[in-house]
Structure formats: C-alpha cells, structure tokens
Protein backbone atom coordinates (compact mmCIF):
# COMPACT_ATOMS: atom_id res chain seq x y z
CA MET A 1 -165.18 10.01 -268.72
CA HIS A 2 -161.27 10.62 -269.76
CA PRO A 3 -158.94 8.30 -268.71
CA LEU A 4 -156.83 10.04 -266.51
CA ALA A 5 -159.96 11.08 -264.59
CA LEU A 6 -160.81 7.73 -264.26
CA ALA A 7 -157.59 6.86 -262.60
CA ALA A 8 -157.32 9.61 -260.47
CA SER A 9 -160.68 8.59 -258.92
CA VAL A 10 -159.60 4.99 -258.79
CA LEU A 11 -156.46 6.25 -256.86
CA ALA A 12 -158.79 8.48 -254.34
CA LEU A 13 -161.06 5.74 -253.66
CA SER A 14 -158.03 3.23 -252.75
CA HIS A 15 -156.30 6.03 -250.51
CA CYS A 16 -159.88 6.45 -248.73
CA ALA A 17 -160.12 2.91 -247.89
CA LEU A 18 -156.52 2.56 -246.72
CA ALA A 19 -157.34 5.37 -244.92
CA GLY A 20 -160.53 3.90 -242.97
CA LYS A 21 -158.20 0.70 -241.72
CA VAL A 22 -157.51 0.98 -238.12
CA CYS A 23 -156.10 -1.64 -235.54
CA SER A 24 -158.06 -2.84 -232.67
CA ARG A 25 -156.83 -3.00 -229.30
CA PRO A 26 -153.82 -5.23 -229.09
CA PRO A 27 -153.65 -8.79 -227.63
CA GLU A 28 -153.01 -9.42 -224.04
CA VAL A 29 -150.31 -10.47 -222.64
CA LEU A 30 -149.76 -12.33 -219.52
CA PHE A 31 -147.82 -10.04 -216.73
CA ALA A 32 -147.43 -7.55 -219.14
CA THR A 33 -148.54 -3.81 -219.95
CA ILE A 34 -148.66 -1.42 -222.97
CA ASP A 35 -147.43 2.02 -223.27
CA VAL A 36 -149.98 3.34 -225.47
CA ASN A 37 -153.56 1.87 -224.33
CA LYS A 38 -156.11 2.54 -226.47
CA SER A 39 -159.43 1.30 -228.02
CA VAL A 40 -157.84 1.86 -231.76
CA TYR A 41 -154.64 2.21 -233.38
CA ASP A 42 -153.97 3.66 -236.53
CA VAL A 43 -151.85 2.00 -239.19
CA GLY A 44 -148.39 2.44 -238.89
CA GLU A 45 -148.71 3.38 -234.87
CA GLU A 46 -146.20 1.29 -232.79
CA ILE A 47 -146.58 0.16 -229.56
CA GLU A 48 -144.22 -1.87 -226.57
CA TYR A 49 -144.98 -4.34 -224.19
CA THR A 50 -143.41 -3.94 -220.78
CA CYS A 51 -143.32 -6.86 -218.13
CA ARG A 52 -144.69 -6.17 -215.12
CA PRO A 53 -142.41 -6.25 -211.89
CA GLY A 54 -141.23 -9.34 -210.88
CA PHE A 55 -141.65 -10.85 -214.55
CA VAL A 56 -138.91 -10.90 -217.20
CA PRO A 57 -139.38 -11.55 -221.17
CA ASN A 58 -138.23 -15.14 -221.74
CA SER A 59 -138.92 -14.57 -225.51
CA GLY A 60 -140.67 -13.20 -228.79
CA GLN A 61 -140.15 -9.28 -229.33
CA ARG A 62 -141.49 -6.32 -227.34
CA LYS A 63 -142.32 -3.56 -229.84
CA TYR A 64 -145.39 -4.22 -232.62
CA THR A 65 -146.73 -1.83 -235.79
CA CYS A 66 -150.62 -1.93 -236.91
CA LEU A 67 -150.44 -3.61 -240.32
CA PRO A 68 -151.94 -1.85 -243.57
CA THR A 69 -154.55 -5.01 -242.73
CA GLY A 70 -155.77 -3.47 -240.01
CA LYS A 71 -154.22 -6.33 -237.72
CA TRP A 72 -151.21 -6.83 -235.20
CA PRO A 73 -148.50 -9.23 -236.03
CA LEU A 74 -148.45 -12.50 -234.29
CA ASN A 75 -147.38 -11.86 -230.69
CA THR A 76 -144.57 -13.86 -229.49
CA LEU A 77 -143.67 -12.57 -226.24
CA LEU A 78 -143.70 -14.64 -222.72
CA CYS A 79 -143.17 -12.66 -219.53
CA LEU A 80 -141.77 -15.11 -216.85
CA PRO A 81 -141.71 -14.63 -212.99
CA LYS A 82 -138.20 -13.90 -211.72
CA ARG A 83 -136.20 -16.51 -210.25
CA CYS A 84 -134.78 -15.66 -207.02
CA PRO A 85 -131.12 -17.25 -205.86
CA THR A 86 -131.49 -20.58 -204.01
CA PRO A 87 -131.19 -19.42 -200.12
CA GLY A 88 -129.18 -21.27 -197.58
CA PRO A 89 -127.30 -22.98 -196.65
CA LEU A 90 -129.11 -22.82 -192.90
CA GLN A 91 -126.68 -24.34 -190.17
CA HIS A 92 -128.51 -27.01 -188.05
CA GLY A 93 -131.95 -26.57 -189.77
CA LYS A 94 -133.70 -27.02 -193.44
CA ILE A 95 -135.32 -24.66 -195.81
CA ASP A 96 -138.87 -25.85 -197.10
CA PHE A 97 -139.49 -24.69 -200.26
CA THR A 98 -142.02 -25.50 -203.43
CA ASP A 99 -139.86 -23.30 -205.88
CA PHE A 100 -137.68 -20.20 -205.85
CA HIS A 101 -139.68 -17.84 -208.42
CA TYR A 102 -141.50 -14.51 -207.86
CA GLN A 103 -144.15 -14.52 -204.98
CA SER A 104 -143.02 -17.89 -203.76
CA SER A 105 -142.56 -18.26 -200.16
CA ILE A 106 -140.06 -20.31 -198.13
CA SER A 107 -140.09 -21.34 -194.50
CA PHE A 108 -137.15 -22.14 -192.00
CA SER A 109 -136.87 -24.15 -189.00
CA CYS A 110 -134.22 -25.71 -187.14
CA GLU A 111 -133.02 -29.34 -185.96
CA PRO A 112 -133.54 -30.18 -182.36
CA GLY A 113 -131.59 -28.71 -179.45
CA TYR A 114 -131.49 -25.30 -181.96
CA ASN A 115 -133.41 -21.88 -181.73
CA LEU A 116 -134.18 -20.06 -184.73
CA ILE A 117 -133.25 -16.27 -184.60
CA GLY A 118 -134.99 -14.40 -187.28
CA THR A 119 -137.41 -14.36 -189.52
CA ARG A 120 -139.38 -18.12 -190.05
CA THR A 121 -140.48 -16.92 -193.85
CA SER A 122 -139.15 -15.08 -196.78
CA GLN A 123 -140.96 -14.17 -200.00
CA CYS A 124 -138.99 -13.89 -203.72
CA MET A 125 -139.37 -9.99 -204.23
CA ALA A 126 -139.73 -8.41 -207.46
CA ASP A 127 -136.14 -7.40 -207.78
CA GLY A 128 -135.00 -11.09 -207.55
CA LYS A 129 -133.91 -11.26 -204.02
CA TRP A 130 -135.62 -12.46 -201.13
CA SER A 131 -137.35 -10.55 -198.22
CA GLY A 132 -135.56 -9.86 -194.80
CA THR A 133 -132.47 -11.82 -193.87
CA LEU A 134 -131.52 -15.56 -193.62
CA PRO A 135 -132.44 -16.31 -189.94
CA GLN A 136 -129.57 -18.47 -187.93
CA CYS A 137 -130.11 -21.52 -185.38
CA GLN A 138 -128.49 -21.23 -182.72
CA PRO A 139 -127.84 -24.13 -179.89
CA VAL A 140 -129.99 -23.88 -176.71
CA THR A 141 -128.31 -23.08 -173.81
CA CYS A 142 -128.99 -24.94 -170.07
CA ALA A 143 -128.92 -22.63 -167.34
CA PRO A 144 -126.64 -23.90 -164.54
CA PRO A 145 -127.79 -26.77 -162.83
CA SER A 146 -129.63 -26.14 -159.56
CA LEU A 147 -127.50 -27.40 -156.50
CA SER A 148 -129.55 -27.61 -153.21
CA GLU A 149 -126.85 -29.90 -151.02
CA PHE A 150 -125.66 -27.00 -149.43
CA GLY A 151 -122.43 -27.11 -151.49
CA VAL A 152 -121.62 -31.11 -150.75
CA LEU A 153 -122.17 -31.21 -154.66
CA SER A 154 -120.20 -29.57 -157.11
CA TYR A 155 -119.69 -29.42 -161.01
CA ARG A 156 -117.42 -28.65 -163.66
CA ARG A 157 -117.63 -27.63 -167.64
CA VAL A 158 -116.16 -30.28 -169.77
CA LYS A 159 -115.35 -27.24 -172.68
CA PRO A 160 -114.07 -24.11 -171.42
CA GLY A 161 -116.44 -20.86 -170.90
CA ASN A 162 -119.36 -20.00 -168.70
CA ILE A 163 -122.44 -21.05 -170.93
CA SER A 164 -123.61 -24.43 -171.26
CA TYR A 165 -124.92 -25.15 -174.90
CA PHE A 166 -126.94 -28.23 -176.66
CA LEU A 167 -125.09 -31.52 -176.20
CA ASP A 168 -122.41 -29.72 -173.54
CA THR A 169 -121.66 -31.94 -170.47
CA ILE A 170 -120.98 -31.18 -167.06
CA THR A 171 -118.77 -33.80 -164.57
CA PHE A 172 -120.42 -33.41 -161.14
CA GLU A 173 -118.26 -34.40 -157.84
CA CYS A 174 -119.13 -34.66 -154.01
CA MET A 175 -117.01 -33.33 -151.17
CA PRO A 176 -115.22 -36.09 -149.26
CA PRO A 177 -116.63 -38.43 -147.96
CA LEU A 178 -119.74 -38.49 -149.58
CA ALA A 179 -120.33 -40.73 -152.58
CA LEU A 180 -121.94 -39.54 -155.57
CA ILE A 181 -125.42 -41.57 -156.06
CA GLY A 182 -126.33 -41.37 -160.11
CA ASN A 183 -124.82 -40.38 -163.41
CA GLU A 184 -121.55 -38.58 -162.88
CA THR A 185 -121.96 -36.65 -165.92
CA ALA A 186 -125.08 -34.68 -167.30
CA THR A 187 -125.87 -33.30 -170.84
CA CYS A 188 -127.88 -30.43 -171.73
CA MET A 189 -130.68 -31.29 -173.67
CA ALA A 190 -132.85 -29.78 -176.52
CA ASN A 191 -135.33 -28.67 -174.29
CA GLY A 192 -132.70 -26.59 -172.15
CA SER A 193 -132.50 -28.88 -169.03
CA TRP A 194 -130.29 -31.43 -168.11
CA SER A 195 -130.45 -34.67 -168.17
CA SER A 196 -129.90 -35.77 -164.40
CA ILE A 197 -128.78 -34.24 -161.53
CA PRO A 198 -126.75 -37.01 -158.97
CA GLU A 199 -127.13 -36.99 -155.35
CA CYS A 200 -124.21 -37.07 -152.82
CA LYS A 201 -124.81 -39.43 -149.65
CA VAL A 202 -122.83 -40.85 -146.81
CA VAL A 203 -122.01 -44.33 -147.94
CA THR A 204 -119.64 -46.82 -145.59
CA CYS A 205 -118.71 -50.29 -146.18
CA PRO A 206 -117.73 -53.09 -143.82
CA THR A 207 -114.76 -54.33 -142.67
CA PRO A 208 -113.20 -56.38 -145.67
CA THR A 209 -112.62 -59.53 -145.36
CA GLY A 210 -108.88 -61.26 -146.41
CA ILE A 211 -108.35 -63.91 -149.16
CA GLU A 212 -107.28 -67.39 -149.55
CA ASN A 213 -103.25 -67.92 -148.78
CA GLY A 214 -103.14 -64.21 -148.70
CA PHE A 215 -103.30 -61.04 -146.21
CA ILE A 216 -104.78 -57.66 -145.74
CA GLU A 217 -101.77 -55.10 -145.55
CA PHE A 218 -102.42 -52.78 -142.22
CA ALA A 219 -106.22 -53.14 -142.27
CA VAL A 220 -107.92 -51.64 -139.10
CA ARG A 221 -111.10 -53.36 -137.68
CA ARG A 222 -113.58 -50.74 -138.49
CA THR A 223 -116.06 -49.62 -140.69
CA TYR A 224 -114.79 -47.63 -143.84
CA HIS A 225 -116.03 -44.77 -145.78
CA TYR A 226 -116.75 -44.11 -149.39
CA ASN A 227 -113.45 -44.37 -151.66
CA GLU A 228 -111.28 -45.21 -148.84
CA SER A 229 -109.28 -48.34 -149.75
CA VAL A 230 -106.92 -51.42 -148.41
CA SER A 231 -104.26 -53.32 -149.98
CA PHE A 232 -103.84 -56.80 -150.35
CA GLY A 233 -100.76 -59.53 -150.47
CA CYS A 234 -99.77 -63.34 -150.92
CA GLN A 235 -98.15 -65.97 -148.78
CA PRO A 236 -94.68 -66.88 -149.95
CA SER A 237 -94.66 -68.38 -153.21
CA TYR A 238 -97.90 -67.30 -154.24
CA VAL A 239 -98.64 -64.89 -156.91
CA LEU A 240 -101.27 -62.09 -156.99
CA ASP A 241 -103.67 -61.94 -159.37
CA GLY A 242 -105.74 -58.75 -160.33
CA PRO A 243 -105.85 -55.62 -158.60
CA LYS A 244 -103.51 -54.94 -155.38
CA HIS A 245 -105.83 -52.55 -154.00
CA SER A 246 -109.93 -53.03 -153.10
CA ARG A 247 -112.18 -49.68 -153.11
CA CYS A 248 -115.11 -49.02 -151.23
CA GLU A 249 -117.74 -48.13 -153.76
CA ASN A 250 -120.84 -46.08 -153.78
CA THR A 251 -122.96 -48.95 -153.18
CA GLY A 252 -121.55 -50.01 -149.88
CA ASN A 253 -119.70 -52.92 -151.27
CA TRP A 254 -116.27 -53.53 -151.73
CA SER A 255 -114.50 -53.65 -155.64
CA THR A 256 -113.29 -56.95 -156.69
CA LYS A 257 -110.47 -58.10 -154.76
CA PRO A 258 -107.50 -60.33 -156.13
CA THR A 259 -106.91 -63.87 -155.40
CA CYS A 260 -103.52 -65.61 -154.47
CA LYS A 261 -102.54 -68.36 -157.16
CA GLY A 262 -100.26 -71.34 -155.92
CA PRO A 263 -96.90 -72.64 -157.50
CA CYS A 264 -96.77 -75.60 -159.07
CA LYS A 265 -94.61 -78.81 -158.06
CA ILE A 266 -92.98 -80.54 -161.41
CA PRO A 267 -94.53 -83.90 -161.61
CA VAL A 268 -91.04 -85.75 -162.87
CA LYS A 269 -88.07 -86.99 -160.30
CA LYS A 270 -85.62 -86.51 -163.25
CA ALA A 271 -85.76 -84.22 -166.48
CA VAL A 272 -83.78 -81.31 -167.95
CA VAL A 273 -86.38 -78.63 -169.01
CA LEU A 274 -85.62 -75.10 -170.14
CA TYR A 275 -86.64 -72.69 -168.06
CA ASN A 276 -85.97 -68.84 -168.58
CA GLY A 277 -84.16 -69.82 -171.34
CA GLU A 278 -81.57 -71.95 -169.86
CA LYS A 279 -81.53 -75.98 -169.22
CA LYS A 280 -82.44 -76.93 -165.58
CA ARG A 281 -82.16 -80.44 -163.89
CA VAL A 282 -85.79 -80.63 -162.03
CA GLN A 283 -84.10 -82.52 -159.62
CA ASN A 284 -81.15 -80.00 -158.36
CA ASP A 285 -82.80 -76.93 -159.30
CA LEU A 286 -86.58 -76.72 -159.61
CA LYS A 287 -86.90 -78.88 -156.23
CA GLU A 288 -89.70 -76.10 -155.27
CA GLY A 289 -91.38 -75.99 -158.60
CA ILE A 290 -92.40 -72.66 -160.29
CA ARG A 291 -94.55 -69.99 -159.31
CA HIS A 292 -98.02 -68.85 -160.94
CA GLY A 293 -97.66 -67.77 -164.88
CA GLU A 294 -93.92 -69.15 -165.20
CA ILE A 295 -93.31 -71.30 -168.43
CA ILE A 296 -91.21 -74.46 -168.38
CA SER A 297 -90.30 -76.19 -171.55
CA PHE A 298 -89.92 -80.00 -171.84
CA PHE A 299 -87.76 -81.97 -174.20
CA CYS A 300 -89.57 -84.59 -176.54
CA LYS A 301 -87.72 -86.87 -178.80
CA ASN A 302 -88.70 -87.36 -182.63
CA LYS A 303 -87.46 -91.04 -183.39
CA GLU A 304 -87.83 -90.55 -186.90
CA LYS A 305 -85.86 -87.81 -187.26
CA SER A 306 -83.57 -88.12 -184.38
CA CYS A 307 -84.07 -85.12 -182.99
CA ALA A 308 -85.54 -83.37 -180.28
CA TYR A 309 -87.94 -80.40 -179.97
CA THR A 310 -89.49 -78.54 -176.75
CA VAL A 311 -93.09 -77.84 -175.54
CA ALA A 312 -93.63 -75.16 -173.60
CA VAL A 313 -96.03 -75.53 -170.62
CA PRO A 314 -97.09 -72.96 -168.01
CA CYS A 315 -98.06 -72.93 -164.69
CA VAL A 316 -102.00 -72.37 -163.51
CA ASP A 317 -102.64 -72.09 -160.32
CA GLY A 318 -100.90 -75.06 -158.93
CA ASN A 319 -101.72 -77.15 -162.25
CA LEU A 320 -99.02 -77.79 -164.33
CA THR A 321 -99.81 -80.80 -167.11
CA LEU A 322 -97.01 -82.88 -168.97
CA PRO A 323 -96.75 -82.86 -172.70
CA ALA A 324 -97.75 -85.99 -173.99
CA CYS A 325 -94.63 -86.59 -176.17
CA PHE A 326 -92.60 -86.01 -172.75
CA LYS A 327 -91.29 -89.29 -171.41
CA GLU A 328 -89.45 -89.67 -168.28
CA ARG A 329 -86.12 -91.83 -168.19
CA GLY A 330 -85.65 -94.66 -166.34
CA PHE A 331 -82.53 -95.81 -164.38
CA PHE A 332 -81.13 -98.24 -167.28
CA SER A 333 -82.13 -95.43 -170.27
CA THR A 334 -80.17 -92.95 -168.85
CA LEU A 335 -77.00 -95.38 -169.26
CA VAL A 336 -77.72 -96.57 -172.83
CA LYS A 337 -79.51 -93.57 -174.51
CA LYS A 338 -79.38 -90.00 -174.85
CA ASP A 339 -81.06 -87.43 -173.11
CA PRO A 340 -83.48 -85.69 -175.77
CA SER A 341 -81.75 -82.15 -174.32
CA ASP A 342 -78.46 -83.24 -175.92
CA MET A 343 -79.96 -84.55 -179.14
CA LYS A 344 -79.47 -81.84 -182.12
CA PRO A 345 -82.96 -79.60 -182.47
CA CYS A 346 -85.27 -80.59 -184.99
CA GLU A 347 -84.68 -77.81 -188.11
CA ASP A 348 -88.22 -76.56 -187.83
CA GLN A 349 -87.46 -75.38 -184.09
CA ALA A 350 -83.88 -74.25 -185.23
C-alpha cells in the first residue's frame, strides 16, 4: 500500500477510536444537583453542580468537562449546610440548641415567674434565617388579692400602676383599731398567686404597769386597744433609759418599757475632779453625785515623772468605781504635798 494511503488509514482509525470515547454518569456530590443529568456524556461536554437549597459550596469547583479519556476530572466540590445567626438573647429565658446549621432546631423556655409568649421552637431555614420570630418571656401577673373582710383590710402597691407582676409586693393595712395578724407584705409568686394574706382582728392590752423609780404619764386604768401607747417618766435625779413610749402590739402585749437608772454618789470625801471639762471639788460642787451616763475624771499622780494624768469613770445605774491609781488625800498630805490636780499634766496627755 502506498505510504500516504497507509497514513490516512491510521489517522481515520484513530479518529474513530476517539469518537468512540464517552463519559459515564458523573459522581454524585452530597447535597448537590447536576444541571444536565444523562447516562453518558460526550468528550468535551461540560456539567455544572449546584448545591441544594440550604447548602453552600465550601470548597472545590462547580464545573467539570468530560475528558478525552472518557473520565471526569477529580471532583473536589463540597456542599455544607448554611449556618443561621446566633439567636437571642432571650431575656429571662434560655435557648437550648445542638447547632445553628440548616434544618437544626432550637427550643425556648423561660425562667420561673415568666411566661413564654410566642413559638416554643424554631428551625434554621434554607435561606439561612430562623423560622418565626423570637418569642418573649413576660412576667407572671397576679390578680388583686381577694379581700373578704368587709373593707377592714386594705392594701397598696409598692410600685405604681394597676397591674402586679412577678416579685412585686403589696403592703396591707387594717382599719383602726383592728390589728394586722400575719405578714404586712405579700409577694407575687411564680404561680400567679400571692405569698400570704393577713387578717384583721380586735386586739387589746391590759392596763400597763409602772416602772421602778418612775411613773406612767397620764395613764388611765382601762383596757387599751392595738397601737395605743403610754408614756413613762422617772423620779428626780433618775435617768430614763430606753424608749419613752410603750405601744400595745398585735400580740396583746406591751412593747419594751424603759427603765430608770439611778444617780451615783462619789465615794470620796474630798477630791478635785474634772466634770464637764471643769475642775470641781467633790465636797462642795458634787455633794449630790452625778447622774447615770455622766462621766467624771479623777487626777492620778505619776511619781517617777512628777506629773498628773486623768482617768475617766462613768456612772452606771448608781455604780461608780474609783480608778486604782487614785489616792484620796488625808489632812496631813494636803498640807505638805501638792494636789495632783495642780501638778503639770503628763506629756502623753498634754
């Protein structure tokens, strides 16, 4: 055969071999579709993958061409689910979730004392948004308390407004002279009820008794009603210690009464002391002593430094204790020794 004819025959056979090559169905990509879906594809034919709704290409190429070898190039496309934005926050509530990707669900709940208004669940949609709208946690409300005491018990809200919400409080009052028995305040609880409702009752106290070394001012021998009070006073030179008034309480007893504290005699015959910032002679100026709660200061001598210092002593209900350093001067010592009150003060007291 002629060489040219032989070459033409080989070329024709090669072309026929190439023409016979085709690509089979391309590999499937998870969560993706192909624009041209056939059983076989011609060499040079192009296909394009598209991620299904709710998924986005994360890596790799989307378009591929059937190679002359009858095979498809290595497919590197990866479709991943879309991610919805982080929901919330849900004030006074919580959001339970596993993840925030397409088709994932989240659930909503509220803290005790709050009601969920809106949907309890939401799903991440194909467009990357959550279904529905974010719910709200609204505080539980309490209806006005039921008062069946014919108007003798009333209440007022601590906060302004006509609606009582979770943890709001109200304060109760009884019409005089009735006494309030129970808690003065009630709190709106998580279940929508009030913590407690007090009662109004008639309470009386017996005639009050007097106090030692004192008296009741303008008291009448009668039964006293709740919240009535009496006043106390003390005999001359005695000091009232405690509240001046005693009140009839809702227990039927009187509140704490005061006591009368007695004066203190100064247990020395002669001495110069400091009283209200001034030097006083006990034998002349303080014959009657001092009253409960008052303070006098005694002069004591520091022999080593030849100076004097003072020690303050209080009167406590008739008791006054001389300081150990104080020495009462006798007649002879007053003639030959200098009184500590006339000595120079010690430096640490100057």
